Amino acid sequence: MRKKTPTLTPQELEIMKVVWERDQATVRDVYEALLAQRKIAYTTVMTMMNVLEKKGHLRKKAEGRSFVYQPTRSRDQVVGGMVRDFVDRVFGGSAEPLLVHLVEDQHLTADELNALARRIKEKP
């Protein structure tokens, strides 16, 4: 049996970003937002939102003839869980190699490095 992880698939994350941005959304709302970016089927969005509900990331309530979906956890909670899962799987639980990699590959600007250094100094 496959271990349950907090990590969302790219398509699930894309849907969750729309719902987080709006605080609540119907399948039609999410479909139209995604359709503005790329071609996608309405039924695909509906299926994925049902999957996200079953996984506990969304909850729905009936409003008229449609359902309105709301996130069950904040973006910070979900992203934090995804980052912890990534660090555990890829770096054996240590974030230091990730930060070293980001610094050495020049993924961080000077301003980002300075902000990170300040946050490290503030940490008890």
PDB file of N, CA and C in Angstrom:
ATOM      1  N   MET A   1       0.833  -1.184   0.000  1.00  0.00           N
ATOM      2  CA  MET A   1       0.000   0.000   0.000  1.00  0.00           C
ATOM      3  C   MET A   1       0.883   1.254   0.000  1.00  0.00           C
ATOM      4  N   ARG A   2       0.532   2.213  -0.815  1.00  0.00           N
ATOM      5  CA  ARG A   2       1.317   3.430  -0.948  1.00  0.00           C
ATOM      6  C   ARG A   2       1.113   4.346   0.253  1.00  0.00           C
ATOM      7  N   LYS A   3       2.222   4.903   0.751  1.00  0.00           N
ATOM      8  CA  LYS A   3       2.176   5.808   1.900  1.00  0.00           C
ATOM      9  C   LYS A   3       1.516   7.130   1.505  1.00  0.00           C
ATOM     10  N   LYS A   4       0.605   7.612   2.341  1.00  0.00           N
ATOM     11  CA  LYS A   4      -0.067   8.884   2.092  1.00  0.00           C
ATOM     12  C   LYS A   4       0.905  10.027   2.374  1.00  0.00           C
ATOM     13  N   THR A   5       1.022  10.955   1.428  1.00  0.00           N
ATOM     14  CA  THR A   5       1.903  12.109   1.621  1.00  0.00           C
ATOM     15  C   THR A   5       1.087  13.387   1.501  1.00  0.00           C
ATOM     16  N   PRO A   6       1.563  14.475   2.109  1.00  0.00           N
ATOM     17  CA  PRO A   6       0.851  15.745   2.011  1.00  0.00           C
ATOM     18  C   PRO A   6       1.053  16.426   0.659  1.00  0.00           C
ATOM     19  N   THR A   7       1.902  15.869  -0.175  1.00  0.00           N
ATOM     20  CA  THR A   7       2.238  16.496  -1.441  1.00  0.00           C
ATOM     21  C   THR A   7       1.090  16.381  -2.436  1.00  0.00           C
ATOM     22  N   LEU A   8       0.758  17.504  -3.043  1.00  0.00           N
ATOM     23  CA  LEU A   8      -0.264  17.545  -4.075  1.00  0.00           C
ATOM     24  C   LEU A   8       0.381  17.327  -5.436  1.00  0.00           C
ATOM     25  N   THR A   9      -0.374  16.756  -6.354  1.00  0.00           N
ATOM     26  CA  THR A   9       0.112  16.649  -7.727  1.00  0.00           C
ATOM     27  C   THR A   9       0.133  18.053  -8.327  1.00  0.00           C
ATOM     28  N   PRO A  10       0.862  18.263  -9.422  1.00  0.00           N
ATOM     29  CA  PRO A  10       0.865  19.594 -10.037  1.00  0.00           C
ATOM     30  C   PRO A  10      -0.547  20.095 -10.391  1.00  0.00           C
ATOM     31  N   GLN A  11      -1.394  19.213 -10.889  1.00  0.00           N
ATOM     32  CA  GLN A  11      -2.750  19.618 -11.255  1.00  0.00           C
ATOM     33  C   GLN A  11      -3.593  19.939 -10.014  1.00  0.00           C
ATOM     34  N   GLU A  12      -3.429  19.164  -8.950  1.00  0.00           N
ATOM     35  CA  GLU A  12      -4.141  19.449  -7.704  1.00  0.00           C
ATOM     36  C   GLU A  12      -3.700  20.792  -7.125  1.00  0.00           C
ATOM     37  N   LEU A  13      -2.407  21.051  -7.161  1.00  0.00           N
ATOM     38  CA  LEU A  13      -1.885  22.315  -6.649  1.00  0.00           C
ATOM     39  C   LEU A  13      -2.417  23.493  -7.455  1.00  0.00           C
ATOM     40  N   GLU A  14      -2.496  23.328  -8.753  1.00  0.00           N
ATOM     41  CA  GLU A  14      -3.021  24.372  -9.633  1.00  0.00           C
ATOM     42  C   GLU A  14      -4.469  24.717  -9.242  1.00  0.00           C
ATOM     43  N   ILE A  15      -5.266  23.700  -8.969  1.00  0.00           N
ATOM     44  CA  ILE A  15      -6.660  23.910  -8.559  1.00  0.00           C
ATOM     45  C   ILE A  15      -6.712  24.571  -7.188  1.00  0.00           C
ATOM     46  N   MET A  16      -5.902  24.081  -6.266  1.00  0.00           N
ATOM     47  CA  MET A  16      -5.902  24.647  -4.920  1.00  0.00           C
ATOM     48  C   MET A  16      -5.504  26.117  -4.930  1.00  0.00           C
ATOM     49  N   LYS A  17      -4.575  26.501  -5.788  1.00  0.00           N
ATOM     50  CA  LYS A  17      -4.172  27.911  -5.870  1.00  0.00           C
ATOM     51  C   LYS A  17      -5.356  28.796  -6.227  1.00  0.00           C
ATOM     52  N   VAL A  18      -6.193  28.331  -7.143  1.00  0.00           N
ATOM     53  CA  VAL A  18      -7.386  29.101  -7.529  1.00  0.00           C
ATOM     54  C   VAL A  18      -8.338  29.211  -6.344  1.00  0.00           C
ATOM     55  N   VAL A  19      -8.583  28.110  -5.662  1.00  0.00           N
ATOM     56  CA  VAL A  19      -9.516  28.124  -4.527  1.00  0.00           C
ATOM     57  C   VAL A  19      -8.969  28.995  -3.396  1.00  0.00           C
ATOM     58  N   TRP A  20      -7.672  28.888  -3.093  1.00  0.00           N
ATOM     59  CA  TRP A  20      -7.075  29.735  -2.053  1.00  0.00           C
ATOM     60  C   TRP A  20      -7.212  31.211  -2.398  1.00  0.00           C
ATOM     61  N   GLU A  21      -6.971  31.531  -3.656  1.00  0.00           N
ATOM     62  CA  GLU A  21      -7.033  32.925  -4.097  1.00  0.00           C
ATOM     63  C   GLU A  21      -8.434  33.510  -3.893  1.00  0.00           C
ATOM     64  N   ARG A  22      -9.460  32.682  -4.094  1.00  0.00           N
ATOM     65  CA  ARG A  22     -10.846  33.157  -4.011  1.00  0.00           C
ATOM     66  C   ARG A  22     -11.512  32.874  -2.667  1.00  0.00           C
ATOM     67  N   ASP A  23     -10.882  32.071  -1.817  1.00  0.00           N
ATOM     68  CA  ASP A  23     -11.428  31.621  -0.529  1.00  0.00           C
ATOM     69  C   ASP A  23     -12.518  30.567  -0.684  1.00  0.00           C
ATOM     70  N   GLN A  24     -13.249  30.616  -1.769  1.00  0.00           N
ATOM     71  CA  GLN A  24     -14.226  29.588  -2.097  1.00  0.00           C
ATOM     72  C   GLN A  24     -14.496  29.671  -3.594  1.00  0.00           C
ATOM     73  N   ALA A  25     -14.869  28.542  -4.193  1.00  0.00           N
ATOM     74  CA  ALA A  25     -15.071  28.536  -5.641  1.00  0.00           C
ATOM     75  C   ALA A  25     -15.928  27.349  -6.051  1.00  0.00           C
ATOM     76  N   THR A  26     -16.646  27.531  -7.138  1.00  0.00           N
ATOM     77  CA  THR A  26     -17.376  26.433  -7.744  1.00  0.00           C
ATOM     78  C   THR A  26     -16.463  25.762  -8.775  1.00  0.00           C
ATOM     79  N   VAL A  27     -16.885  24.613  -9.260  1.00  0.00           N
ATOM     80  CA  VAL A  27     -16.124  23.952 -10.323  1.00  0.00           C
ATOM     81  C   VAL A  27     -16.034  24.896 -11.517  1.00  0.00           C
ATOM     82  N   ARG A  28     -17.114  25.579 -11.848  1.00  0.00           N
ATOM     83  CA  ARG A  28     -17.127  26.520 -12.988  1.00  0.00           C
ATOM     84  C   ARG A  28     -16.105  27.627 -12.782  1.00  0.00           C
ATOM     85  N   ASP A  29     -16.007  28.177 -11.558  1.00  0.00           N
ATOM     86  CA  ASP A  29     -15.025  29.233 -11.267  1.00  0.00           C
ATOM     87  C   ASP A  29     -13.607  28.743 -11.551  1.00  0.00           C
ATOM     88  N   VAL A  30     -13.291  27.562 -11.041  1.00  0.00           N
ATOM     89  CA  VAL A  30     -11.946  27.005 -11.206  1.00  0.00           C
ATOM     90  C   VAL A  30     -11.699  26.677 -12.676  1.00  0.00           C
ATOM     91  N   TYR A  31     -12.671  26.082 -13.322  1.00  0.00           N
ATOM     92  CA  TYR A  31     -12.555  25.739 -14.747  1.00  0.00           C
ATOM     93  C   TYR A  31     -12.236  26.980 -15.571  1.00  0.00           C
ATOM     94  N   GLU A  32     -12.981  28.050 -15.361  1.00  0.00           N
ATOM     95  CA  GLU A  32     -12.761  29.277 -16.144  1.00  0.00           C
ATOM     96  C   GLU A  32     -11.399  29.902 -15.856  1.00  0.00           C
ATOM     97  N   ALA A  33     -10.964  29.848 -14.607  1.00  0.00           N
ATOM     98  CA  ALA A  33      -9.641  30.387 -14.258  1.00  0.00           C
ATOM     99  C   ALA A  33      -8.537  29.582 -14.936  1.00  0.00           C
ATOM    100  N   LEU A  34      -8.662  28.262 -14.926  1.00  0.00           N
ATOM    101  CA  LEU A  34      -7.642  27.418 -15.552  1.00  0.00           C
ATOM    102  C   LEU A  34      -7.698  27.506 -17.076  1.00  0.00           C
ATOM    103  N   LEU A  35      -8.902  27.618 -17.620  1.00  0.00           N
ATOM    104  CA  LEU A  35      -9.070  27.705 -19.074  1.00  0.00           C
ATOM    105  C   LEU A  35      -8.405  28.965 -19.632  1.00  0.00           C
ATOM    106  N   ALA A  36      -8.354  30.001 -18.831  1.00  0.00           N
ATOM    107  CA  ALA A  36      -7.683  31.236 -19.258  1.00  0.00           C
ATOM    108  C   ALA A  36      -6.173  31.013 -19.411  1.00  0.00           C
ATOM    109  N   GLN A  37      -5.634  29.977 -18.750  1.00  0.00           N
ATOM    110  CA  GLN A  37      -4.201  29.685 -18.817  1.00  0.00           C
ATOM    111  C   GLN A  37      -3.872  28.604 -19.836  1.00  0.00           C
ATOM    112  N   ARG A  38      -4.768  27.599 -19.957  1.00  0.00           N
ATOM    113  CA  ARG A  38      -4.507  26.477 -20.856  1.00  0.00           C
ATOM    114  C   ARG A  38      -5.801  25.735 -21.128  1.00  0.00           C
ATOM    115  N   LYS A  39      -5.771  24.882 -22.127  1.00  0.00           N
ATOM    116  CA  LYS A  39      -6.945  24.081 -22.465  1.00  0.00           C
ATOM    117  C   LYS A  39      -7.119  22.976 -21.430  1.00  0.00           C
ATOM    118  N   ILE A  40      -8.339  22.868 -20.895  1.00  0.00           N
ATOM    119  CA  ILE A  40      -8.660  21.851 -19.899  1.00  0.00           C
ATOM    120  C   ILE A  40     -10.154  21.559 -19.982  1.00  0.00           C
ATOM    121  N   ALA A  41     -10.527  20.340 -19.703  1.00  0.00           N
ATOM    122  CA  ALA A  41     -11.936  19.952 -19.756  1.00  0.00           C
ATOM    123  C   ALA A  41     -12.624  20.240 -18.427  1.00  0.00           C
ATOM    124  N   TYR A  42     -13.865  20.656 -18.507  1.00  0.00           N
ATOM    125  CA  TYR A  42     -14.671  20.911 -17.316  1.00  0.00           C
ATOM    126  C   TYR A  42     -14.754  19.656 -16.453  1.00  0.00           C
ATOM    127  N   THR A  43     -14.947  18.509 -17.083  1.00  0.00           N
ATOM    128  CA  THR A  43     -15.078  17.256 -16.334  1.00  0.00           C
ATOM    129  C   THR A  43     -13.789  16.895 -15.604  1.00  0.00           C
ATOM    130  N   THR A  44     -12.646  17.274 -16.166  1.00  0.00           N
ATOM    131  CA  THR A  44     -11.363  17.035 -15.496  1.00  0.00           C
ATOM    132  C   THR A  44     -11.291  17.841 -14.208  1.00  0.00           C
ATOM    133  N   VAL A  45     -11.689  19.103 -14.284  1.00  0.00           N
ATOM    134  CA  VAL A  45     -11.674  19.963 -13.095  1.00  0.00           C
ATOM    135  C   VAL A  45     -12.633  19.404 -12.049  1.00  0.00           C
ATOM    136  N   MET A  46     -13.827  18.997 -12.472  1.00  0.00           N
ATOM    137  CA  MET A  46     -14.813  18.451 -11.542  1.00  0.00           C
ATOM    138  C   MET A  46     -14.274  17.194 -10.859  1.00  0.00           C
ATOM    139  N   THR A  47     -13.676  16.307 -11.631  1.00  0.00           N
ATOM    140  CA  THR A  47     -13.116  15.072 -11.074  1.00  0.00           C
ATOM    141  C   THR A  47     -12.005  15.381 -10.082  1.00  0.00           C
ATOM    142  N   MET A  48     -11.097  16.289 -10.451  1.00  0.00           N
ATOM    143  CA  MET A  48      -9.970  16.630  -9.576  1.00  0.00           C
ATOM    144  C   MET A  48     -10.450  17.291  -8.281  1.00  0.00           C
ATOM    145  N   MET A  49     -11.483  18.114  -8.362  1.00  0.00           N
ATOM    146  CA  MET A  49     -11.995  18.753  -7.148  1.00  0.00           C
ATOM    147  C   MET A  49     -12.667  17.723  -6.240  1.00  0.00           C
ATOM    148  N   ASN A  50     -13.312  16.726  -6.832  1.00  0.00           N
ATOM    149  CA  ASN A  50     -13.882  15.638  -6.032  1.00  0.00           C
ATOM    150  C   ASN A  50     -12.770  14.821  -5.366  1.00  0.00           C
ATOM    151  N   VAL A  51     -11.678  14.598  -6.077  1.00  0.00           N
ATOM    152  CA  VAL A  51     -10.527  13.887  -5.512  1.00  0.00           C
ATOM    153  C   VAL A  51      -9.946  14.690  -4.341  1.00  0.00           C
ATOM    154  N   LEU A  52      -9.812  15.998  -4.532  1.00  0.00           N
ATOM    155  CA  LEU A  52      -9.288  16.857  -3.463  1.00  0.00           C
ATOM    156  C   LEU A  52     -10.210  16.859  -2.247  1.00  0.00           C
ATOM    157  N   GLU A  53     -11.509  16.749  -2.477  1.00  0.00           N
ATOM    158  CA  GLU A  53     -12.442  16.653  -1.356  1.00  0.00           C
ATOM    159  C   GLU A  53     -12.250  15.321  -0.622  1.00  0.00           C
ATOM    160  N   LYS A  54     -12.140  14.241  -1.373  1.00  0.00           N
ATOM    161  CA  LYS A  54     -11.938  12.925  -0.766  1.00  0.00           C
ATOM    162  C   LYS A  54     -10.621  12.863   0.018  1.00  0.00           C
ATOM    163  N   LYS A  55      -9.603  13.556  -0.459  1.00  0.00           N
ATOM    164  CA  LYS A  55      -8.304  13.594   0.219  1.00  0.00           C
ATOM    165  C   LYS A  55      -8.317  14.533   1.427  1.00  0.00           C
ATOM    166  N   GLY A  56      -9.403  15.296   1.576  1.00  0.00           N
ATOM    167  CA  GLY A  56      -9.513  16.192   2.724  1.00  0.00           C
ATOM    168  C   GLY A  56      -8.959  17.582   2.512  1.00  0.00           C
ATOM    169  N   HIS A  57      -8.627  17.951   1.281  1.00  0.00           N
ATOM    170  CA  HIS A  57      -8.089  19.290   1.016  1.00  0.00           C
ATOM    171  C   HIS A  57      -9.192  20.321   0.774  1.00  0.00           C
ATOM    172  N   LEU A  58     -10.358  19.850   0.328  1.00  0.00           N
ATOM    173  CA  LEU A  58     -11.496  20.725   0.081  1.00  0.00           C
ATOM    174  C   LEU A  58     -12.724  20.180   0.802  1.00  0.00           C
ATOM    175  N   ARG A  59     -13.647  21.074   1.116  1.00  0.00           N
ATOM    176  CA  ARG A  59     -14.966  20.649   1.570  1.00  0.00           C
ATOM    177  C   ARG A  59     -15.976  21.402   0.709  1.00  0.00           C
ATOM    178  N   LYS A  60     -17.132  20.763   0.496  1.00  0.00           N
ATOM    179  CA  LYS A  60     -18.124  21.411  -0.354  1.00  0.00           C
ATOM    180  C   LYS A  60     -19.444  21.546   0.371  1.00  0.00           C
ATOM    181  N   LYS A  61     -20.176  22.580  -0.033  1.00  0.00           N
ATOM    182  CA  LYS A  61     -21.525  22.779   0.487  1.00  0.00           C
ATOM    183  C   LYS A  61     -22.419  23.148  -0.693  1.00  0.00           C
ATOM    184  N   ALA A  62     -23.639  22.692  -0.618  1.00  0.00           N
ATOM    185  CA  ALA A  62     -24.592  22.965  -1.695  1.00  0.00           C
ATOM    186  C   ALA A  62     -25.065  24.411  -1.601  1.00  0.00           C
ATOM    187  N   GLU A  63     -25.063  25.073  -2.743  1.00  0.00           N
ATOM    188  CA  GLU A  63     -25.623  26.416  -2.859  1.00  0.00           C
ATOM    189  C   GLU A  63     -26.420  26.446  -4.144  1.00  0.00           C
ATOM    190  N   GLY A  64     -27.719  26.401  -4.003  1.00  0.00           N
ATOM    191  CA  GLY A  64     -28.566  26.337  -5.192  1.00  0.00           C
ATOM    192  C   GLY A  64     -28.363  25.015  -5.898  1.00  0.00           C
ATOM    193  N   ARG A  65     -28.065  25.097  -7.196  1.00  0.00           N
ATOM    194  CA  ARG A  65     -27.890  23.887  -7.985  1.00  0.00           C
ATOM    195  C   ARG A  65     -26.434  23.471  -8.137  1.00  0.00           C
ATOM    196  N   SER A  66     -25.535  24.142  -7.436  1.00  0.00           N
ATOM    197  CA  SER A  66     -24.117  23.779  -7.548  1.00  0.00           C
ATOM    198  C   SER A  66     -23.494  23.659  -6.158  1.00  0.00           C
ATOM    199  N   PHE A  67     -22.251  23.236  -6.148  1.00  0.00           N
ATOM    200  CA  PHE A  67     -21.498  23.114  -4.914  1.00  0.00           C
ATOM    201  C   PHE A  67     -20.434  24.199  -4.871  1.00  0.00           C
ATOM    202  N   VAL A  68     -20.233  24.729  -3.674  1.00  0.00           N
ATOM    203  CA  VAL A  68     -19.159  25.694  -3.447  1.00  0.00           C
ATOM    204  C   VAL A  68     -18.103  24.986  -2.614  1.00  0.00           C
ATOM    205  N   TYR A  69     -16.862  25.057  -3.088  1.00  0.00           N
ATOM    206  CA  TYR A  69     -15.746  24.385  -2.422  1.00  0.00           C
ATOM    207  C   TYR A  69     -14.927  25.402  -1.652  1.00  0.00           C
ATOM    208  N   GLN A  70     -14.471  24.974  -0.461  1.00  0.00           N
ATOM    209  CA  GLN A  70     -13.596  25.795   0.361  1.00  0.00           C
ATOM    210  C   GLN A  70     -12.399  24.955   0.786  1.00  0.00           C
ATOM    211  N   PRO A  71     -11.230  25.578   0.916  1.00  0.00           N
ATOM    212  CA  PRO A  71     -10.061  24.824   1.385  1.00  0.00           C
ATOM    213  C   PRO A  71     -10.225  24.472   2.860  1.00  0.00           C
ATOM    214  N   THR A  72      -9.722  23.310   3.239  1.00  0.00           N
ATOM    215  CA  THR A  72      -9.775  22.902   4.644  1.00  0.00           C
ATOM    216  C   THR A  72      -8.527  23.338   5.402  1.00  0.00           C
ATOM    217  N   ARG A  73      -7.462  23.650   4.662  1.00  0.00           N
ATOM    218  CA  ARG A  73      -6.206  24.128   5.259  1.00  0.00           C
ATOM    219  C   ARG A  73      -5.697  25.316   4.459  1.00  0.00           C
ATOM    220  N   SER A  74      -4.935  26.147   5.119  1.00  0.00           N
ATOM    221  CA  SER A  74      -4.387  27.329   4.453  1.00  0.00           C
ATOM    222  C   SER A  74      -3.275  26.937   3.480  1.00  0.00           C
ATOM    223  N   ARG A  75      -2.964  27.852   2.593  1.00  0.00           N
ATOM    224  CA  ARG A  75      -1.862  27.651   1.651  1.00  0.00           C
ATOM    225  C   ARG A  75      -0.565  27.394   2.404  1.00  0.00           C
ATOM    226  N   ASP A  76      -0.316  28.168   3.465  1.00  0.00           N
ATOM    227  CA  ASP A  76       0.921  27.999   4.250  1.00  0.00           C
ATOM    228  C   ASP A  76       1.014  26.606   4.859  1.00  0.00           C
ATOM    229  N   GLN A  77      -0.097  26.084   5.377  1.00  0.00           N
ATOM    230  CA  GLN A  77      -0.087  24.743   5.963  1.00  0.00           C
ATOM    231  C   GLN A  77       0.238  23.685   4.914  1.00  0.00           C
ATOM    232  N   VAL A  78      -0.395  23.784   3.761  1.00  0.00           N
ATOM    233  CA  VAL A  78      -0.189  22.777   2.714  1.00  0.00           C
ATOM    234  C   VAL A  78       1.216  22.881   2.136  1.00  0.00           C
ATOM    235  N   VAL A  79       1.645  24.091   1.819  1.00  0.00           N
ATOM    236  CA  VAL A  79       2.987  24.268   1.256  1.00  0.00           C
ATOM    237  C   VAL A  79       4.039  23.838   2.273  1.00  0.00           C
ATOM    238  N   GLY A  80       3.832  24.174   3.543  1.00  0.00           N
ATOM    239  CA  GLY A  80       4.766  23.739   4.590  1.00  0.00           C
ATOM    240  C   GLY A  80       4.877  22.228   4.647  1.00  0.00           C
ATOM    241  N   GLY A  81       3.748  21.537   4.545  1.00  0.00           N
ATOM    242  CA  GLY A  81       3.759  20.077   4.538  1.00  0.00           C
ATOM    243  C   GLY A  81       4.467  19.518   3.321  1.00  0.00           C
ATOM    244  N   MET A  82       4.263  20.166   2.166  1.00  0.00           N
ATOM    245  CA  MET A  82       4.919  19.711   0.936  1.00  0.00           C
ATOM    246  C   MET A  82       6.431  19.910   1.024  1.00  0.00           C
ATOM    247  N   VAL A  83       6.855  21.029   1.597  1.00  0.00           N
ATOM    248  CA  VAL A  83       8.288  21.302   1.743  1.00  0.00           C
ATOM    249  C   VAL A  83       8.922  20.301   2.710  1.00  0.00           C
ATOM    250  N   ARG A  84       8.245  20.048   3.854  1.00  0.00           N
ATOM    251  CA  ARG A  84       8.769  19.062   4.814  1.00  0.00           C
ATOM    252  C   ARG A  84       8.875  17.682   4.163  1.00  0.00           C
ATOM    253  N   ASP A  85       7.856  17.300   3.399  1.00  0.00           N
ATOM    254  CA  ASP A  85       7.872  16.004   2.722  1.00  0.00           C
ATOM    255  C   ASP A  85       9.040  15.941   1.733  1.00  0.00           C
ATOM    256  N   PHE A  86       9.249  17.022   0.981  1.00  0.00           N
ATOM    257  CA  PHE A  86      10.353  17.076   0.012  1.00  0.00           C
ATOM    258  C   PHE A  86      11.708  16.963   0.716  1.00  0.00           C
ATOM    259  N   VAL A  87      11.880  17.739   1.773  1.00  0.00           N
ATOM    260  CA  VAL A  87      13.150  17.716   2.513  1.00  0.00           C
ATOM    261  C   VAL A  87      13.390  16.327   3.097  1.00  0.00           C
ATOM    262  N   ASP A  88      12.352  15.703   3.623  1.00  0.00           N
ATOM    263  CA  ASP A  88      12.491  14.347   4.170  1.00  0.00           C
ATOM    264  C   ASP A  88      12.890  13.345   3.087  1.00  0.00           C
ATOM    265  N   ARG A  89      12.197  13.394   1.961  1.00  0.00           N
ATOM    266  CA  ARG A  89      12.445  12.416   0.903  1.00  0.00           C
ATOM    267  C   ARG A  89      13.778  12.628   0.192  1.00  0.00           C
ATOM    268  N   VAL A  90      14.106  13.874  -0.091  1.00  0.00           N
ATOM    269  CA  VAL A  90      15.279  14.165  -0.927  1.00  0.00           C
ATOM    270  C   VAL A  90      16.549  14.381  -0.102  1.00  0.00           C
ATOM    271  N   PHE A  91      16.415  14.999   1.064  1.00  0.00           N
ATOM    272  CA  PHE A  91      17.589  15.375   1.848  1.00  0.00           C
ATOM    273  C   PHE A  91      17.644  14.693   3.206  1.00  0.00           C
ATOM    274  N   GLY A  92      16.887  13.629   3.383  1.00  0.00           N
ATOM    275  CA  GLY A  92      16.929  12.882   4.632  1.00  0.00           C
ATOM    276  C   GLY A  92      16.516  13.682   5.848  1.00  0.00           C
ATOM    277  N   GLY A  93      15.680  14.696   5.649  1.00  0.00           N
ATOM    278  CA  GLY A  93      15.170  15.486   6.767  1.00  0.00           C
ATOM    279  C   GLY A  93      15.972  16.731   7.094  1.00  0.00           C
ATOM    280  N   SER A  94      17.108  16.920   6.447  1.00  0.00           N
ATOM    281  CA  SER A  94      17.947  18.090   6.720  1.00  0.00           C
ATOM    282  C   SER A  94      17.733  19.152   5.646  1.00  0.00           C
ATOM    283  N   ALA A  95      17.369  20.359   6.061  1.00  0.00           N
ATOM    284  CA  ALA A  95      17.120  21.444   5.116  1.00  0.00           C
ATOM    285  C   ALA A  95      18.421  22.111   4.642  1.00  0.00           C
ATOM    286  N   GLU A  96      19.498  21.924   5.377  1.00  0.00           N
ATOM    287  CA  GLU A  96      20.754  22.590   5.017  1.00  0.00           C
ATOM    288  C   GLU A  96      21.200  22.293   3.586  1.00  0.00           C
ATOM    289  N   PRO A  97      21.199  21.027   3.133  1.00  0.00           N
ATOM    290  CA  PRO A  97      21.619  20.777   1.750  1.00  0.00           C
ATOM    291  C   PRO A  97      20.734  21.470   0.715  1.00  0.00           C
ATOM    292  N   LEU A  98      19.455  21.632   1.037  1.00  0.00           N
ATOM    293  CA  LEU A  98      18.553  22.350   0.126  1.00  0.00           C
ATOM    294  C   LEU A  98      18.970  23.807   0.024  1.00  0.00           C
ATOM    295  N   LEU A  99      19.218  24.438   1.162  1.00  0.00           N
ATOM    296  CA  LEU A  99      19.630  25.841   1.148  1.00  0.00           C
ATOM    297  C   LEU A  99      20.973  26.022   0.447  1.00  0.00           C
ATOM    298  N   VAL A 100      21.921  25.129   0.702  1.00  0.00           N
ATOM    299  CA  VAL A 100      23.227  25.185   0.035  1.00  0.00           C
ATOM    300  C   VAL A 100      23.028  25.077  -1.474  1.00  0.00           C
ATOM    301  N   HIS A 101      22.182  24.152  -1.887  1.00  0.00           N
ATOM    302  CA  HIS A 101      21.911  23.971  -3.314  1.00  0.00           C
ATOM    303  C   HIS A 101      21.327  25.251  -3.926  1.00  0.00           C
ATOM    304  N   LEU A 102      20.368  25.853  -3.251  1.00  0.00           N
ATOM    305  CA  LEU A 102      19.746  27.075  -3.776  1.00  0.00           C
ATOM    306  C   LEU A 102      20.758  28.220  -3.874  1.00  0.00           C
ATOM    307  N   VAL A 103      21.631  28.331  -2.869  1.00  0.00           N
ATOM    308  CA  VAL A 103      22.642  29.390  -2.880  1.00  0.00           C
ATOM    309  C   VAL A 103      23.670  29.142  -3.984  1.00  0.00           C
ATOM    310  N   GLU A 104      24.156  27.904  -4.072  1.00  0.00           N
ATOM    311  CA  GLU A 104      25.200  27.601  -5.054  1.00  0.00           C
ATOM    312  C   GLU A 104      24.680  27.655  -6.490  1.00  0.00           C
ATOM    313  N   ASP A 105      23.437  27.322  -6.710  1.00  0.00           N
ATOM    314  CA  ASP A 105      22.872  27.389  -8.056  1.00  0.00           C
ATOM    315  C   ASP A 105      22.356  28.780  -8.396  1.00  0.00           C
ATOM    316  N   GLN A 106      22.592  29.740  -7.509  1.00  0.00           N
ATOM    317  CA  GLN A 106      22.229  31.141  -7.705  1.00  0.00           C
ATOM    318  C   GLN A 106      20.731  31.321  -7.943  1.00  0.00           C
ATOM    319  N   HIS A 107      19.915  30.535  -7.207  1.00  0.00           N
ATOM    320  CA  HIS A 107      18.470  30.690  -7.280  1.00  0.00           C
ATOM    321  C   HIS A 107      17.976  31.810  -6.368  1.00  0.00           C
ATOM    322  N   LEU A 108      18.831  32.275  -5.485  1.00  0.00           N
ATOM    323  CA  LEU A 108      18.454  33.325  -4.554  1.00  0.00           C
ATOM    324  C   LEU A 108      19.158  34.622  -4.923  1.00  0.00           C
ATOM    325  N   THR A 109      18.399  35.707  -4.950  1.00  0.00           N
ATOM    326  CA  THR A 109      18.985  37.015  -5.227  1.00  0.00           C
ATOM    327  C   THR A 109      19.693  37.511  -3.971  1.00  0.00           C
ATOM    328  N   ALA A 110      20.447  38.571  -4.120  1.00  0.00           N
ATOM    329  CA  ALA A 110      21.140  39.161  -2.967  1.00  0.00           C
ATOM    330  C   ALA A 110      20.130  39.605  -1.916  1.00  0.00           C
ATOM    331  N   ASP A 111      19.022  40.200  -2.345  1.00  0.00           N
ATOM    332  CA  ASP A 111      17.989  40.628  -1.403  1.00  0.00           C
ATOM    333  C   ASP A 111      17.384  39.433  -0.668  1.00  0.00           C
ATOM    334  N   GLU A 112      17.141  38.344  -1.393  1.00  0.00           N
ATOM    335  CA  GLU A 112      16.591  37.142  -0.762  1.00  0.00           C
ATOM    336  C   GLU A 112      17.582  36.542   0.239  1.00  0.00           C
ATOM    337  N   LEU A 113      18.864  36.541  -0.128  1.00  0.00           N
ATOM    338  CA  LEU A 113      19.893  36.037   0.796  1.00  0.00           C
ATOM    339  C   LEU A 113      19.962  36.882   2.060  1.00  0.00           C
ATOM    340  N   ASN A 114      19.894  38.199   1.901  1.00  0.00           N
ATOM    341  CA  ASN A 114      19.918  39.095   3.063  1.00  0.00           C
ATOM    342  C   ASN A 114      18.697  38.876   3.951  1.00  0.00           C
ATOM    343  N   ALA A 115      17.529  38.723   3.344  1.00  0.00           N
ATOM    344  CA  ALA A 115      16.305  38.475   4.109  1.00  0.00           C
ATOM    345  C   ALA A 115      16.402  37.141   4.842  1.00  0.00           C
ATOM    346  N   LEU A 116      16.953  36.135   4.188  1.00  0.00           N
ATOM    347  CA  LEU A 116      17.121  34.818   4.807  1.00  0.00           C
ATOM    348  C   LEU A 116      18.099  34.910   5.985  1.00  0.00           C
ATOM    349  N   ALA A 117      19.193  35.638   5.802  1.00  0.00           N
ATOM    350  CA  ALA A 117      20.169  35.803   6.883  1.00  0.00           C
ATOM    351  C   ALA A 117      19.530  36.491   8.094  1.00  0.00           C
ATOM    352  N   ARG A 118      18.697  37.504   7.833  1.00  0.00           N
ATOM    353  CA  ARG A 118      18.002  38.199   8.934  1.00  0.00           C
ATOM    354  C   ARG A 118      17.080  37.234   9.672  1.00  0.00           C
ATOM    355  N   ARG A 119      16.338  36.404   8.926  1.00  0.00           N
ATOM    356  CA  ARG A 119      15.408  35.460   9.560  1.00  0.00           C
ATOM    357  C   ARG A 119      16.166  34.429  10.387  1.00  0.00           C
ATOM    358  N   ILE A 120      17.324  34.010   9.917  1.00  0.00           N
ATOM    359  CA  ILE A 120      18.138  33.041  10.659  1.00  0.00           C
ATOM    360  C   ILE A 120      18.619  33.673  11.963  1.00  0.00           C
ATOM    361  N   LYS A 121      19.054  34.926  11.905  1.00  0.00           N
ATOM    362  CA  LYS A 121      19.522  35.622  13.104  1.00  0.00           C
ATOM    363  C   LYS A 121      18.398  35.827  14.116  1.00  0.00           C
ATOM    364  N   GLU A 122      17.173  36.018  13.652  1.00  0.00           N
ATOM    365  CA  GLU A 122      16.024  36.231  14.532  1.00  0.00           C
ATOM    366  C   GLU A 122      15.548  34.947  15.181  1.00  0.00           C
ATOM    367  N   LYS A 123      15.870  33.815  14.594  1.00  0.00           N
ATOM    368  CA  LYS A 123      15.409  32.513  15.105  1.00  0.00           C
ATOM    369  C   LYS A 123      16.094  32.215  16.427  1.00  0.00           C
ATOM    370  N   PRO A 124      15.321  31.868  17.491  1.00  0.00           N
ATOM    371  CA  PRO A 124      15.940  31.590  18.783  1.00  0.00           C
ATOM    372  C   PRO A 124      16.764  30.308  18.759  1.00  0.00           C
TER     373      PRO A 124
END
